[in-house]
Amino acid sequence: MEKDTDWTYPYQNNYPGDSKNEHRTLETANVLIGESEIGQQNENL
């Protein structure tokens, strides 16, 4: 059985820079989560 790899590129849901945008979104989410965690820890002191 032959492996079908035609879907990887150019796949319409992927575009140049997509992984960078996703990484930036994850970094932003981590900052927001981190801020709330620090606030919670300060309240617990």
PDB file of N, CA and C in Angstrom:
ATOM      1  N   MET A   1       0.840  -1.171   0.000  1.00  0.00           N
ATOM      2  CA  MET A   1       0.000   0.000   0.000  1.00  0.00           C
ATOM      3  C   MET A   1       0.894   1.246   0.000  1.00  0.00           C
ATOM      4  N   GLU A   2       0.609   2.157  -0.889  1.00  0.00           N
ATOM      5  CA  GLU A   2       1.402   3.371  -1.014  1.00  0.00           C
ATOM      6  C   GLU A   2       0.878   4.437  -0.057  1.00  0.00           C
ATOM      7  N   LYS A   3       1.794   5.132   0.599  1.00  0.00           N
ATOM      8  CA  LYS A   3       1.426   6.181   1.543  1.00  0.00           C
ATOM      9  C   LYS A   3       1.041   7.441   0.784  1.00  0.00           C
ATOM     10  N   ASP A   4      -0.120   7.997   1.103  1.00  0.00           N
ATOM     11  CA  ASP A   4      -0.606   9.200   0.438  1.00  0.00           C
ATOM     12  C   ASP A   4      -0.106  10.432   1.188  1.00  0.00           C
ATOM     13  N   THR A   5       0.830  11.153   0.583  1.00  0.00           N
ATOM     14  CA  THR A   5       1.396  12.343   1.228  1.00  0.00           C
ATOM     15  C   THR A   5       1.058  13.618   0.467  1.00  0.00           C
ATOM     16  N   ASP A   6       0.150  13.548  -0.490  1.00  0.00           N
ATOM     17  CA  ASP A   6      -0.171  14.728  -1.293  1.00  0.00           C
ATOM     18  C   ASP A   6      -0.864  15.817  -0.487  1.00  0.00           C
ATOM     19  N   TRP A   7      -1.429  15.491   0.674  1.00  0.00           N
ATOM     20  CA  TRP A   7      -2.189  16.472   1.443  1.00  0.00           C
ATOM     21  C   TRP A   7      -1.306  17.442   2.226  1.00  0.00           C
ATOM     22  N   THR A   8      -0.012  17.159   2.351  1.00  0.00           N
ATOM     23  CA  THR A   8       0.815  17.987   3.220  1.00  0.00           C
ATOM     24  C   THR A   8       1.091  19.369   2.639  1.00  0.00           C
ATOM     25  N   TYR A   9       1.371  19.479   1.372  1.00  0.00           N
ATOM     26  CA  TYR A   9       1.667  20.785   0.789  1.00  0.00           C
ATOM     27  C   TYR A   9       1.305  20.777  -0.680  1.00  0.00           C
ATOM     28  N   PRO A  10       0.677  21.740  -1.187  1.00  0.00           N
ATOM     29  CA  PRO A  10       0.104  22.892  -0.487  1.00  0.00           C
ATOM     30  C   PRO A  10      -1.290  22.555   0.040  1.00  0.00           C
ATOM     31  N   TYR A  11      -1.431  22.459   1.310  1.00  0.00           N
ATOM     32  CA  TYR A  11      -2.711  22.181   1.945  1.00  0.00           C
ATOM     33  C   TYR A  11      -3.386  23.522   2.198  1.00  0.00           C
ATOM     34  N   GLN A  12      -4.636  23.653   1.875  1.00  0.00           N
ATOM     35  CA  GLN A  12      -5.291  24.951   1.912  1.00  0.00           C
ATOM     36  C   GLN A  12      -5.409  25.525   3.320  1.00  0.00           C
ATOM     37  N   ASN A  13      -5.351  24.698   4.354  1.00  0.00           N
ATOM     38  CA  ASN A  13      -5.433  25.219   5.713  1.00  0.00           C
ATOM     39  C   ASN A  13      -4.077  25.667   6.241  1.00  0.00           C
ATOM     40  N   ASN A  14      -3.022  25.422   5.499  1.00  0.00           N
ATOM     41  CA  ASN A  14      -1.682  25.855   5.882  1.00  0.00           C
ATOM     42  C   ASN A  14      -1.211  26.933   4.922  1.00  0.00           C
ATOM     43  N   TYR A  15      -0.503  27.906   5.448  1.00  0.00           N
ATOM     44  CA  TYR A  15       0.059  28.942   4.604  1.00  0.00           C
ATOM     45  C   TYR A  15       1.375  29.390   5.222  1.00  0.00           C
ATOM     46  N   PRO A  16       2.253  30.005   4.445  1.00  0.00           N
ATOM     47  CA  PRO A  16       3.542  30.438   4.977  1.00  0.00           C
ATOM     48  C   PRO A  16       3.363  31.365   6.178  1.00  0.00           C
ATOM     49  N   GLY A  17       4.075  31.086   7.242  1.00  0.00           N
ATOM     50  CA  GLY A  17       3.981  31.890   8.450  1.00  0.00           C
ATOM     51  C   GLY A  17       2.950  31.393   9.436  1.00  0.00           C
ATOM     52  N   ASP A  18       2.197  30.365   9.065  1.00  0.00           N
ATOM     53  CA  ASP A  18       1.125  29.862   9.920  1.00  0.00           C
ATOM     54  C   ASP A  18       1.661  29.380  11.261  1.00  0.00           C
ATOM     55  N   SER A  19       2.773  28.664  11.254  1.00  0.00           N
ATOM     56  CA  SER A  19       3.315  28.141  12.506  1.00  0.00           C
ATOM     57  C   SER A  19       3.825  29.270  13.402  1.00  0.00           C
ATOM     58  N   LYS A  20       4.351  30.340  12.797  1.00  0.00           N
ATOM     59  CA  LYS A  20       4.797  31.487  13.590  1.00  0.00           C
ATOM     60  C   LYS A  20       3.614  32.159  14.263  1.00  0.00           C
ATOM     61  N   ASN A  21       2.520  32.312  13.535  1.00  0.00           N
ATOM     62  CA  ASN A  21       1.328  32.932  14.104  1.00  0.00           C
ATOM     63  C   ASN A  21       0.774  32.080  15.231  1.00  0.00           C
ATOM     64  N   GLU A  22       0.766  30.770  15.051  1.00  0.00           N
ATOM     65  CA  GLU A  22       0.268  29.878  16.088  1.00  0.00           C
ATOM     66  C   GLU A  22       1.164  29.949  17.321  1.00  0.00           C
ATOM     67  N   HIS A  23       2.462  30.003  17.121  1.00  0.00           N
ATOM     68  CA  HIS A  23       3.406  30.089  18.233  1.00  0.00           C
ATOM     69  C   HIS A  23       3.192  31.395  19.004  1.00  0.00           C
ATOM     70  N   ARG A  24       3.002  32.476  18.300  1.00  0.00           N
ATOM     71  CA  ARG A  24       2.769  33.768  18.951  1.00  0.00           C
ATOM     72  C   ARG A  24       1.474  33.739  19.756  1.00  0.00           C
ATOM     73  N   THR A  25       0.449  33.104  19.241  1.00  0.00           N
ATOM     74  CA  THR A  25      -0.819  32.978  19.964  1.00  0.00           C
ATOM     75  C   THR A  25      -0.622  32.181  21.245  1.00  0.00           C
ATOM     76  N   LEU A  26       0.143  31.099  21.168  1.00  0.00           N
ATOM     77  CA  LEU A  26       0.411  30.294  22.356  1.00  0.00           C
ATOM     78  C   LEU A  26       1.233  31.069  23.384  1.00  0.00           C
ATOM     79  N   GLU A  27       2.196  31.846  22.934  1.00  0.00           N
ATOM     80  CA  GLU A  27       2.994  32.664  23.848  1.00  0.00           C
ATOM     81  C   GLU A  27       2.117  33.675  24.569  1.00  0.00           C
ATOM     82  N   THR A  28       1.209  34.311  23.841  1.00  0.00           N
ATOM     83  CA  THR A  28       0.300  35.285  24.445  1.00  0.00           C
ATOM     84  C   THR A  28      -0.587  34.618  25.489  1.00  0.00           C
ATOM     85  N   ALA A  29      -1.109  33.452  25.163  1.00  0.00           N
ATOM     86  CA  ALA A  29      -1.947  32.714  26.109  1.00  0.00           C
ATOM     87  C   ALA A  29      -1.156  32.349  27.352  1.00  0.00           C
ATOM     88  N   ASN A  30       0.088  31.934  27.193  1.00  0.00           N
ATOM     89  CA  ASN A  30       0.927  31.585  28.341  1.00  0.00           C
ATOM     90  C   ASN A  30       1.182  32.791  29.237  1.00  0.00           C
ATOM     91  N   VAL A  31       1.365  33.968  28.648  1.00  0.00           N
ATOM     92  CA  VAL A  31       1.571  35.177  29.443  1.00  0.00           C
ATOM     93  C   VAL A  31       0.321  35.473  30.268  1.00  0.00           C
ATOM     94  N   LEU A  32      -0.843  35.383  29.648  1.00  0.00           N
ATOM     95  CA  LEU A  32      -2.085  35.667  30.361  1.00  0.00           C
ATOM     96  C   LEU A  32      -2.321  34.667  31.489  1.00  0.00           C
ATOM     97  N   ILE A  33      -2.072  33.407  31.224  1.00  0.00           N
ATOM     98  CA  ILE A  33      -2.224  32.379  32.259  1.00  0.00           C
ATOM     99  C   ILE A  33      -1.222  32.618  33.380  1.00  0.00           C
ATOM    100  N   GLY A  34       0.006  32.952  33.023  1.00  0.00           N
ATOM    101  CA  GLY A  34       1.044  33.211  34.016  1.00  0.00           C
ATOM    102  C   GLY A  34       0.689  34.380  34.917  1.00  0.00           C
ATOM    103  N   GLU A  35       0.124  35.439  34.330  1.00  0.00           N
ATOM    104  CA  GLU A  35      -0.268  36.592  35.136  1.00  0.00           C
ATOM    105  C   GLU A  35      -1.333  36.222  36.152  1.00  0.00           C
ATOM    106  N   SER A  36      -2.309  35.428  35.748  1.00  0.00           N
ATOM    107  CA  SER A  36      -3.362  35.038  36.687  1.00  0.00           C
ATOM    108  C   SER A  36      -2.810  34.103  37.760  1.00  0.00           C
ATOM    109  N   GLU A  37      -1.852  33.257  37.400  1.00  0.00           N
ATOM    110  CA  GLU A  37      -1.241  32.363  38.386  1.00  0.00           C
ATOM    111  C   GLU A  37      -0.464  33.165  39.429  1.00  0.00           C
ATOM    112  N   ILE A  38       0.283  34.187  38.993  1.00  0.00           N
ATOM    113  CA  ILE A  38       1.044  35.027  39.921  1.00  0.00           C
ATOM    114  C   ILE A  38       0.087  35.771  40.850  1.00  0.00           C
ATOM    115  N   GLY A  39      -1.002  36.277  40.294  1.00  0.00           N
ATOM    116  CA  GLY A  39      -2.000  36.962  41.110  1.00  0.00           C
ATOM    117  C   GLY A  39      -2.591  36.037  42.163  1.00  0.00           C
ATOM    118  N   GLN A  40      -2.878  34.826  41.788  1.00  0.00           N
ATOM    119  CA  GLN A  40      -3.417  33.845  42.732  1.00  0.00           C
ATOM    120  C   GLN A  40      -2.414  33.531  43.830  1.00  0.00           C
ATOM    121  N   GLN A  41      -1.156  33.379  43.468  1.00  0.00           N
ATOM    122  CA  GLN A  41      -0.131  33.093  44.470  1.00  0.00           C
ATOM    123  C   GLN A  41       0.027  34.267  45.444  1.00  0.00           C
ATOM    124  N   ASN A  42      -0.054  35.492  44.952  1.00  0.00           N
ATOM    125  CA  ASN A  42       0.048  36.672  45.821  1.00  0.00           C
ATOM    126  C   ASN A  42      -1.127  36.741  46.788  1.00  0.00           C
ATOM    127  N   GLU A  43      -2.316  36.346  46.335  1.00  0.00           N
ATOM    128  CA  GLU A  43      -3.486  36.350  47.210  1.00  0.00           C
ATOM    129  C   GLU A  43      -3.360  35.285  48.303  1.00  0.00           C
ATOM    130  N   ASN A  44      -2.646  34.213  48.015  1.00  0.00           N
ATOM    131  CA  ASN A  44      -2.499  33.125  48.971  1.00  0.00           C
ATOM    132  C   ASN A  44      -1.457  33.397  50.038  1.00  0.00           C
ATOM    133  N   LEU A  45      -0.693  34.491  49.918  1.00  0.00           N
ATOM    134  CA  LEU A  45       0.355  34.800  50.921  1.00  0.00           C
ATOM    135  C   LEU A  45      -0.246  35.313  52.204  1.00  0.00           C
TER     136      LEU A  45
END
